Amino acid sequence: MSERVQEVDNDPRVAEIRCRAIEVLGSEEAADAWIEKQSATLGASPREVLATGAGRNRVLLHLNGISRHRVA
């Protein structure tokens, strides 16, 4: 696990989203990359959005949308 990922796991907001991302994306590696990657939908990386007040809900809604599209 990279130092950056360990840092993410120490933040409970990010750790919660990471667990959901692993469920949706299928692997820890995919989830870790997704958390750091700039998202056109969110306007920033999920991790950056989580730093805002409404960030958790925005990121969860985004993940739920990804989940729906992967199942369809």
Protein backbone atom coordinates (compact mmCIF):
# COMPACT_ATOMS: atom_id res chain seq x y z
CA MET A 1 0.00 0.00 0.00
CA SER A 2 1.44 3.38 -0.96
CA GLU A 3 2.06 6.16 1.52
CA ARG A 4 -0.70 8.19 -0.16
CA VAL A 5 -3.20 5.35 0.24
CA GLN A 6 -2.27 4.94 3.91
CA GLU A 7 -2.91 8.66 4.34
CA VAL A 8 -6.31 8.23 2.71
CA ASP A 9 -7.19 5.34 5.02
CA ASN A 10 -6.45 7.51 8.06
CA ASP A 11 -9.23 9.95 7.09
CA PRO A 12 -12.56 8.32 8.05
CA ARG A 13 -14.45 10.18 5.29
CA VAL A 14 -12.09 8.92 2.63
CA ALA A 15 -11.89 5.42 4.13
CA GLU A 16 -15.69 5.10 3.93
CA ILE A 17 -15.73 6.20 0.28
CA ARG A 18 -12.77 3.93 -0.51
CA CYS A 19 -14.70 0.91 0.81
CA ARG A 20 -17.68 1.78 -1.38
CA ALA A 21 -15.39 2.41 -4.36
CA ILE A 22 -13.83 -1.03 -3.92
CA GLU A 23 -17.33 -2.57 -4.03
CA VAL A 24 -18.26 -0.61 -7.16
CA LEU A 25 -14.95 -0.76 -9.04
CA GLY A 26 -13.94 -4.27 -8.03
CA SER A 27 -10.45 -3.79 -6.60
CA GLU A 28 -8.42 -1.75 -4.15
CA GLU A 29 -6.13 -0.59 -6.95
CA ALA A 30 -9.02 0.72 -9.05
CA ALA A 31 -10.58 2.43 -6.03
CA ASP A 32 -7.29 4.06 -5.00
CA ALA A 33 -6.70 5.37 -8.52
CA TRP A 34 -10.30 6.62 -8.77
CA ILE A 35 -10.07 8.55 -5.47
CA GLU A 36 -7.04 10.47 -6.76
CA LYS A 37 -8.17 11.00 -10.37
CA GLN A 38 -9.71 14.26 -11.53
CA SER A 39 -13.42 13.76 -12.25
CA ALA A 40 -15.21 15.86 -14.85
CA THR A 41 -18.50 15.12 -13.08
CA LEU A 42 -17.23 16.28 -9.68
CA GLY A 43 -14.97 19.04 -10.98
CA ALA A 44 -12.10 17.72 -8.86
CA SER A 45 -10.82 14.41 -7.55
CA PRO A 46 -13.16 12.59 -5.17
CA ARG A 47 -10.61 13.12 -2.42
CA GLU A 48 -10.61 16.88 -3.00
CA VAL A 49 -14.41 16.96 -3.01
CA LEU A 50 -14.51 15.05 0.29
CA ALA A 51 -12.73 17.99 1.91
CA THR A 52 -15.85 20.14 1.39
CA GLY A 53 -18.95 20.17 3.60
CA ALA A 54 -21.25 18.46 1.13
CA GLY A 55 -18.48 16.39 -0.41
CA ARG A 56 -19.43 13.00 1.06
CA ASN A 57 -22.91 13.12 -0.44
CA ARG A 58 -21.64 14.34 -3.82
CA VAL A 59 -19.04 11.58 -4.02
CA LEU A 60 -21.50 8.88 -2.90
CA LEU A 61 -24.04 10.02 -5.51
CA HIS A 62 -21.29 9.88 -8.14
CA LEU A 63 -20.28 6.36 -7.07
CA ASN A 64 -23.91 5.23 -7.12
CA GLY A 65 -24.20 6.53 -10.67
CA ILE A 66 -21.11 4.57 -11.67
CA SER A 67 -22.57 1.49 -10.02
CA ARG A 68 -25.85 1.81 -11.91
CA HIS A 69 -24.07 2.18 -15.24
CA ARG A 70 -21.80 -0.82 -14.59
CA VAL A 71 -24.78 -3.08 -13.86
CA ALA A 72 -26.85 -1.94 -16.84
